[in-house]
Amino acid sequence: RGAARAAGGVAALSGALQAIGSSDTRLALLVALDALVGGDWGVAYTEAGWAPLIGALSQSSKAIVLAAARAAAATLETPGGRDSLANGRDLLLVCATLWALSREHASLAAGASAAHVALVRR
């Protein structure tokens, strides 16, 4: 896993994720990406930006969505993380997803609040 990450595997899978329209293929790429980062989607953000998190939040795999949501929430609690999510549509998706998940997972509430504040400021 370390060698694949060092060789740019996260960026390659993230790029493929953005280029693929098929939901089955996107899910397969997300499962591969989840395995590559060992479930730590913060690594995916660090190595490839928001794209893999946005891709993961829009999928049906509950485990992947929750792992990506935790990374998104933590990232949005930092000024750099909030500022780096420039696309308003993506910010709206992250905000809505975090609020919806925070009903069952209270640890996401702070990230949801940060996303909401960033959305209002735009």
Foldseek 3Di string as FASTA:
>chain_A
DVVCVVVVVLQVLLVVLVVDDDLVVNVVSLVVNCVVVVLQCLVSCVRHNCSSLLSQCPHDDPSSNVSSLLSQLVLLLDPVSLVRPPDLVSLVSSLVSLVVCCVVVVVSVNSNVSSVVSNVVD
